[in-house]
Amino acid sequence: MVESGGRPGEKDENVGYEFERESEAREAAAELDRRFSRDEVSGLRVYRVRWNNDFIVEVEFPYGLSADRVADARAVLGEAGSPVHPDDLKDYKRAMESGATGSLPGWLRKLFGE
């Protein structure tokens, strides 16, 4: 969950699903884009997971969206994807934001003299 752009203290809900192929991830994202309005999906992203060459579709739902609509989105994503634990999604995004490219962390490269 991340802070929303709405009222103070409100949270948006983020869900992620992992796919083996980019085409499956993009197809699932496109299907969500067709089925949901801009008011129902506040963010939709496809990430490539560098360390295993899988793909994650992340969907951000605005605060207050009905649980039924979130379940509908999960059903679409679950047709070909596997749910990503929210903590794993946060860790992946944090790694992407820090510029991780799938190589060893800087402190570990220094330890091994790279």
N, C-alpha and C. Protein backbone atom coordinates (compact mmCIF):
# COMPACT_ATOMS: atom_id res chain seq x y z
N MET A 1 0.83 -1.16 0.00
CA MET A 1 0.00 0.00 0.00
C MET A 1 0.89 1.24 0.00
N VAL A 2 0.49 2.23 -0.74
CA VAL A 2 1.24 3.48 -0.80
C VAL A 2 0.29 4.63 -0.51
N GLU A 3 0.87 5.73 -0.09
CA GLU A 3 0.04 6.90 0.14
C GLU A 3 -0.61 7.32 -1.16
N SER A 4 -1.87 7.68 -1.09
CA SER A 4 -2.59 8.12 -2.28
C SER A 4 -2.45 9.62 -2.44
N GLY A 5 -2.90 10.09 -3.58
CA GLY A 5 -2.95 11.51 -3.80
C GLY A 5 -4.25 12.10 -3.26
N GLY A 6 -5.04 11.28 -2.57
CA GLY A 6 -6.33 11.72 -2.06
C GLY A 6 -6.20 12.40 -0.72
N ARG A 7 -7.16 12.17 0.13
CA ARG A 7 -7.18 12.80 1.45
C ARG A 7 -6.07 12.24 2.32
N PRO A 8 -5.57 13.05 3.27
CA PRO A 8 -4.51 12.59 4.18
C PRO A 8 -4.92 11.31 4.90
N GLY A 9 -3.98 10.37 4.98
CA GLY A 9 -4.23 9.12 5.68
C GLY A 9 -4.86 8.04 4.83
N GLU A 10 -5.32 8.38 3.63
CA GLU A 10 -5.91 7.38 2.75
C GLU A 10 -4.79 6.63 2.05
N LYS A 11 -5.04 5.36 1.76
CA LYS A 11 -4.05 4.53 1.09
C LYS A 11 -4.61 3.98 -0.21
N ASP A 12 -3.77 3.93 -1.23
CA ASP A 12 -4.11 3.22 -2.45
C ASP A 12 -3.70 1.77 -2.24
N GLU A 13 -4.30 0.88 -2.98
CA GLU A 13 -3.93 -0.53 -2.92
C GLU A 13 -3.16 -0.90 -4.19
N ASN A 14 -2.01 -1.51 -4.02
CA ASN A 14 -1.21 -1.98 -5.14
C ASN A 14 -1.19 -3.50 -5.12
N VAL A 15 -1.35 -4.10 -6.29
CA VAL A 15 -1.18 -5.54 -6.42
C VAL A 15 -0.24 -5.80 -7.58
N GLY A 16 0.49 -6.90 -7.48
CA GLY A 16 1.41 -7.28 -8.55
C GLY A 16 1.25 -8.75 -8.88
N TYR A 17 1.41 -9.04 -10.16
CA TYR A 17 1.37 -10.42 -10.64
C TYR A 17 2.57 -10.63 -11.56
N GLU A 18 3.19 -11.80 -11.44
CA GLU A 18 4.38 -12.11 -12.21
C GLU A 18 4.03 -13.02 -13.38
N PHE A 19 4.67 -12.75 -14.51
CA PHE A 19 4.43 -13.50 -15.74
C PHE A 19 5.76 -13.97 -16.30
N GLU A 20 5.75 -15.12 -16.94
CA GLU A 20 6.98 -15.66 -17.52
C GLU A 20 7.37 -14.95 -18.81
N ARG A 21 6.38 -14.51 -19.58
CA ARG A 21 6.67 -13.89 -20.87
C ARG A 21 6.14 -12.46 -20.92
N GLU A 22 6.88 -11.62 -21.60
CA GLU A 22 6.49 -10.22 -21.73
C GLU A 22 5.14 -10.10 -22.43
N SER A 23 4.91 -10.91 -23.44
CA SER A 23 3.65 -10.81 -24.18
C SER A 23 2.45 -11.09 -23.27
N GLU A 24 2.59 -12.04 -22.35
CA GLU A 24 1.50 -12.33 -21.41
C GLU A 24 1.26 -11.15 -20.46
N ALA A 25 2.35 -10.57 -19.98
CA ALA A 25 2.23 -9.42 -19.07
C ALA A 25 1.57 -8.25 -19.77
N ARG A 26 2.01 -7.95 -20.97
CA ARG A 26 1.44 -6.81 -21.70
C ARG A 26 -0.02 -7.07 -22.08
N GLU A 27 -0.34 -8.30 -22.42
CA GLU A 27 -1.72 -8.65 -22.75
C GLU A 27 -2.62 -8.48 -21.53
N ALA A 28 -2.16 -8.92 -20.36
CA ALA A 28 -2.95 -8.77 -19.14
C ALA A 28 -3.13 -7.29 -18.79
N ALA A 29 -2.08 -6.50 -18.94
CA ALA A 29 -2.17 -5.06 -18.67
C ALA A 29 -3.14 -4.39 -19.63
N ALA A 30 -3.09 -4.77 -20.90
CA ALA A 30 -4.00 -4.19 -21.89
C ALA A 30 -5.45 -4.58 -21.58
N GLU A 31 -5.65 -5.80 -21.13
CA GLU A 31 -7.01 -6.24 -20.77
C GLU A 31 -7.54 -5.43 -19.59
N LEU A 32 -6.70 -5.18 -18.60
CA LEU A 32 -7.12 -4.33 -17.48
C LEU A 32 -7.45 -2.92 -17.95
N ASP A 33 -6.63 -2.41 -18.85
CA ASP A 33 -6.84 -1.06 -19.36
C ASP A 33 -8.19 -0.97 -20.09
N ARG A 34 -8.57 -2.05 -20.78
CA ARG A 34 -9.87 -2.07 -21.49
C ARG A 34 -11.04 -2.18 -20.52
N ARG A 35 -10.89 -2.99 -19.47
CA ARG A 35 -12.00 -3.30 -18.58
C ARG A 35 -12.24 -2.29 -17.45
N PHE A 36 -11.22 -1.49 -17.14
CA PHE A 36 -11.31 -0.58 -16.01
C PHE A 36 -11.17 0.86 -16.47
N SER A 37 -11.95 1.74 -15.83
CA SER A 37 -11.87 3.16 -16.15
C SER A 37 -10.67 3.78 -15.43
N ARG A 38 -10.34 5.00 -15.80
CA ARG A 38 -9.24 5.74 -15.16
C ARG A 38 -9.56 6.01 -13.69
N ASP A 39 -10.84 6.06 -13.34
CA ASP A 39 -11.22 6.25 -11.94
C ASP A 39 -11.01 4.99 -11.11
N GLU A 40 -10.96 3.83 -11.78
CA GLU A 40 -10.81 2.56 -11.06
C GLU A 40 -9.35 2.09 -10.98
N VAL A 41 -8.53 2.50 -11.91
CA VAL A 41 -7.11 2.13 -11.92
C VAL A 41 -6.30 3.41 -12.00
N SER A 42 -5.58 3.70 -10.93
CA SER A 42 -4.81 4.94 -10.91
C SER A 42 -3.38 4.75 -11.40
N GLY A 43 -2.94 3.51 -11.56
CA GLY A 43 -1.61 3.23 -12.10
C GLY A 43 -1.54 1.82 -12.64
N LEU A 44 -0.83 1.66 -13.75
CA LEU A 44 -0.67 0.36 -14.38
C LEU A 44 0.72 0.33 -15.00
N ARG A 45 1.57 -0.59 -14.51
CA ARG A 45 2.95 -0.66 -14.98
C ARG A 45 3.36 -2.10 -15.25
N VAL A 46 4.27 -2.26 -16.21
CA VAL A 46 4.88 -3.56 -16.49
C VAL A 46 6.37 -3.41 -16.24
N TYR A 47 6.93 -4.27 -15.40
CA TYR A 47 8.35 -4.26 -15.09
C TYR A 47 8.99 -5.55 -15.56
N ARG A 48 10.23 -5.45 -16.03
CA ARG A 48 11.01 -6.66 -16.31
C ARG A 48 11.84 -6.95 -15.08
N VAL A 49 11.77 -8.17 -14.59
CA VAL A 49 12.54 -8.59 -13.43
C VAL A 49 13.89 -9.04 -13.95
N ARG A 50 14.90 -8.25 -13.71
CA ARG A 50 16.21 -8.48 -14.32
C ARG A 50 16.86 -9.78 -13.88
N TRP A 51 16.65 -10.21 -12.64
CA TRP A 51 17.39 -11.37 -12.17
C TRP A 51 16.78 -12.70 -12.59
N ASN A 52 15.56 -12.71 -13.12
CA ASN A 52 15.02 -13.98 -13.61
C ASN A 52 14.30 -13.86 -14.95
N ASN A 53 14.35 -12.67 -15.56
CA ASN A 53 13.74 -12.41 -16.86
C ASN A 53 12.24 -12.65 -16.91
N ASP A 54 11.58 -12.55 -15.76
CA ASP A 54 10.12 -12.57 -15.73
C ASP A 54 9.63 -11.13 -15.79
N PHE A 55 8.33 -10.96 -15.77
CA PHE A 55 7.72 -9.64 -15.87
C PHE A 55 6.66 -9.49 -14.79
N ILE A 56 6.57 -8.31 -14.21
CA ILE A 56 5.56 -8.03 -13.19
C ILE A 56 4.62 -6.95 -13.73
N VAL A 57 3.33 -7.22 -13.58
CA VAL A 57 2.32 -6.20 -13.85
C VAL A 57 1.88 -5.69 -12.48
N GLU A 58 2.04 -4.38 -12.27
CA GLU A 58 1.60 -3.75 -11.04
C GLU A 58 0.40 -2.88 -11.35
N VAL A 59 -0.63 -3.03 -10.53
CA VAL A 59 -1.85 -2.23 -10.68
C VAL A 59 -2.06 -1.47 -9.37
N GLU A 60 -2.33 -0.19 -9.50
CA GLU A 60 -2.62 0.64 -8.33
C GLU A 60 -4.09 1.04 -8.41
N PHE A 61 -4.81 0.73 -7.34
CA PHE A 61 -6.22 1.06 -7.25
C PHE A 61 -6.39 2.22 -6.29
N PRO A 62 -7.24 3.18 -6.62
CA PRO A 62 -7.45 4.32 -5.71
C PRO A 62 -8.18 3.89 -4.44
N TYR A 63 -7.94 4.66 -3.40
CA TYR A 63 -8.62 4.42 -2.14
C TYR A 63 -10.13 4.39 -2.36
N GLY A 64 -10.78 3.42 -1.74
CA GLY A 64 -12.23 3.36 -1.79
C GLY A 64 -12.81 2.52 -2.92
N LEU A 65 -11.95 1.99 -3.80
CA LEU A 65 -12.48 1.13 -4.86
C LEU A 65 -13.04 -0.15 -4.21
N SER A 66 -14.17 -0.61 -4.71
CA SER A 66 -14.82 -1.76 -4.09
C SER A 66 -13.93 -3.01 -4.18
N ALA A 67 -14.05 -3.85 -3.17
CA ALA A 67 -13.29 -5.10 -3.13
C ALA A 67 -13.64 -5.99 -4.32
N ASP A 68 -14.88 -5.90 -4.80
CA ASP A 68 -15.29 -6.70 -5.96
C ASP A 68 -14.49 -6.33 -7.21
N ARG A 69 -14.25 -5.03 -7.40
CA ARG A 69 -13.49 -4.60 -8.59
C ARG A 69 -12.02 -5.01 -8.48
N VAL A 70 -11.48 -4.94 -7.26
CA VAL A 70 -10.10 -5.41 -7.06
C VAL A 70 -10.04 -6.91 -7.33
N ALA A 71 -11.04 -7.66 -6.88
CA ALA A 71 -11.09 -9.10 -7.14
C ALA A 71 -11.21 -9.38 -8.64
N ASP A 72 -11.97 -8.55 -9.36
CA ASP A 72 -12.08 -8.71 -10.81
C ASP A 72 -10.71 -8.55 -11.47
N ALA A 73 -9.95 -7.55 -11.03
CA ALA A 73 -8.62 -7.32 -11.60
C ALA A 73 -7.69 -8.49 -11.28
N ARG A 74 -7.77 -8.98 -10.06
CA ARG A 74 -6.94 -10.14 -9.68
C ARG A 74 -7.28 -11.35 -10.54
N ALA A 75 -8.56 -11.52 -10.87
CA ALA A 75 -8.97 -12.65 -11.70
C ALA A 75 -8.37 -12.53 -13.10
N VAL A 76 -8.38 -11.32 -13.66
CA VAL A 76 -7.78 -11.11 -14.99
C VAL A 76 -6.29 -11.43 -14.95
N LEU A 77 -5.60 -10.91 -13.96
CA LEU A 77 -4.16 -11.12 -13.85
C LEU A 77 -3.82 -12.57 -13.53
N GLY A 78 -4.67 -13.21 -12.75
CA GLY A 78 -4.42 -14.59 -12.33
C GLY A 78 -4.63 -15.62 -13.42
N GLU A 79 -5.20 -15.22 -14.57
CA GLU A 79 -5.39 -16.17 -15.67
C GLU A 79 -4.06 -16.70 -16.18
N ALA A 80 -3.03 -15.86 -16.20
CA ALA A 80 -1.72 -16.30 -16.71
C ALA A 80 -0.58 -15.96 -15.75
N GLY A 81 -0.88 -15.17 -14.73
CA GLY A 81 0.17 -14.73 -13.82
C GLY A 81 0.04 -15.31 -12.44
N SER A 82 1.10 -15.13 -11.66
CA SER A 82 1.13 -15.58 -10.27
C SER A 82 1.20 -14.36 -9.37
N PRO A 83 0.43 -14.34 -8.28
CA PRO A 83 0.46 -13.18 -7.40
C PRO A 83 1.84 -12.97 -6.79
N VAL A 84 2.21 -11.72 -6.66
CA VAL A 84 3.46 -11.33 -6.01
C VAL A 84 3.11 -10.82 -4.63
N HIS A 85 3.79 -11.31 -3.63
CA HIS A 85 3.55 -10.86 -2.26
C HIS A 85 3.81 -9.35 -2.19
N PRO A 86 2.97 -8.58 -1.49
CA PRO A 86 3.16 -7.13 -1.42
C PRO A 86 4.56 -6.71 -0.96
N ASP A 87 5.15 -7.44 -0.02
CA ASP A 87 6.51 -7.11 0.43
C ASP A 87 7.53 -7.33 -0.67
N ASP A 88 7.34 -8.39 -1.47
CA ASP A 88 8.25 -8.65 -2.59
C ASP A 88 8.13 -7.57 -3.65
N LEU A 89 6.90 -7.10 -3.88
CA LEU A 89 6.68 -6.03 -4.85
C LEU A 89 7.38 -4.75 -4.38
N LYS A 90 7.26 -4.43 -3.09
CA LYS A 90 7.95 -3.25 -2.55
C LYS A 90 9.46 -3.39 -2.69
N ASP A 91 9.99 -4.57 -2.38
CA ASP A 91 11.44 -4.80 -2.48
C ASP A 91 11.91 -4.66 -3.93
N TYR A 92 11.14 -5.19 -4.86
CA TYR A 92 11.51 -5.10 -6.26
C TYR A 92 11.53 -3.64 -6.71
N LYS A 93 10.49 -2.90 -6.35
CA LYS A 93 10.42 -1.49 -6.75
C LYS A 93 11.55 -0.69 -6.11
N ARG A 94 11.86 -0.98 -4.86
CA ARG A 94 12.96 -0.30 -4.18
C ARG A 94 14.29 -0.59 -4.91
N ALA A 95 14.49 -1.83 -5.32
CA ALA A 95 15.71 -2.20 -6.05
C ALA A 95 15.78 -1.47 -7.39
N MET A 96 14.65 -1.35 -8.07
CA MET A 96 14.62 -0.65 -9.35
C MET A 96 14.92 0.83 -9.18
N GLU A 97 14.36 1.44 -8.13
CA GLU A 97 14.57 2.86 -7.89
C GLU A 97 16.01 3.17 -7.51
N SER A 98 16.67 2.20 -6.86
CA SER A 98 18.06 2.43 -6.45
C SER A 98 19.03 2.18 -7.60
N GLY A 99 18.50 1.77 -8.75
CA GLY A 99 19.35 1.57 -9.92
C GLY A 99 19.96 0.20 -10.01
N ALA A 100 19.45 -0.76 -9.26
CA ALA A 100 19.98 -2.12 -9.33
C ALA A 100 19.77 -2.66 -10.73
N THR A 101 20.79 -3.29 -11.27
CA THR A 101 20.70 -3.79 -12.63
C THR A 101 20.87 -5.29 -12.70
N GLY A 102 20.79 -5.95 -11.57
CA GLY A 102 20.96 -7.39 -11.57
C GLY A 102 22.39 -7.79 -11.27
N SER A 103 23.30 -6.83 -11.15
CA SER A 103 24.67 -7.15 -10.80
C SER A 103 24.81 -7.17 -9.29
N LEU A 104 26.00 -7.47 -8.82
CA LEU A 104 26.25 -7.49 -7.39
C LEU A 104 26.16 -6.07 -6.83
N PRO A 105 25.71 -5.93 -5.59
CA PRO A 105 25.71 -4.61 -4.97
C PRO A 105 27.12 -4.05 -4.88
N GLY A 106 27.23 -2.72 -4.86
CA GLY A 106 28.53 -2.06 -4.85
C GLY A 106 29.45 -2.52 -3.74
N TRP A 107 28.92 -2.66 -2.52
CA TRP A 107 29.76 -3.07 -1.40
C TRP A 107 30.30 -4.47 -1.59
N LEU A 108 29.52 -5.35 -2.26
CA LEU A 108 29.96 -6.71 -2.49
C LEU A 108 30.99 -6.76 -3.62
N ARG A 109 30.81 -5.91 -4.64
CA ARG A 109 31.81 -5.84 -5.72
C ARG A 109 33.16 -5.39 -5.15
N LYS A 110 33.14 -4.41 -4.24
CA LYS A 110 34.38 -3.94 -3.63
C LYS A 110 35.04 -5.05 -2.82
N LEU A 111 34.23 -5.83 -2.11
CA LEU A 111 34.74 -6.94 -1.31
C LEU A 111 35.49 -7.95 -2.19
N PHE A 112 34.97 -8.21 -3.39
CA PHE A 112 35.59 -9.17 -4.29
C PHE A 112 36.56 -8.52 -5.26
N GLY A 113 36.78 -7.22 -5.13
CA GLY A 113 37.77 -6.54 -5.94
C GLY A 113 37.36 -6.28 -7.38
N GLU A 114 36.07 -6.23 -7.64
CA GLU A 114 35.63 -5.94 -9.01
C GLU A 114 35.75 -4.47 -9.31
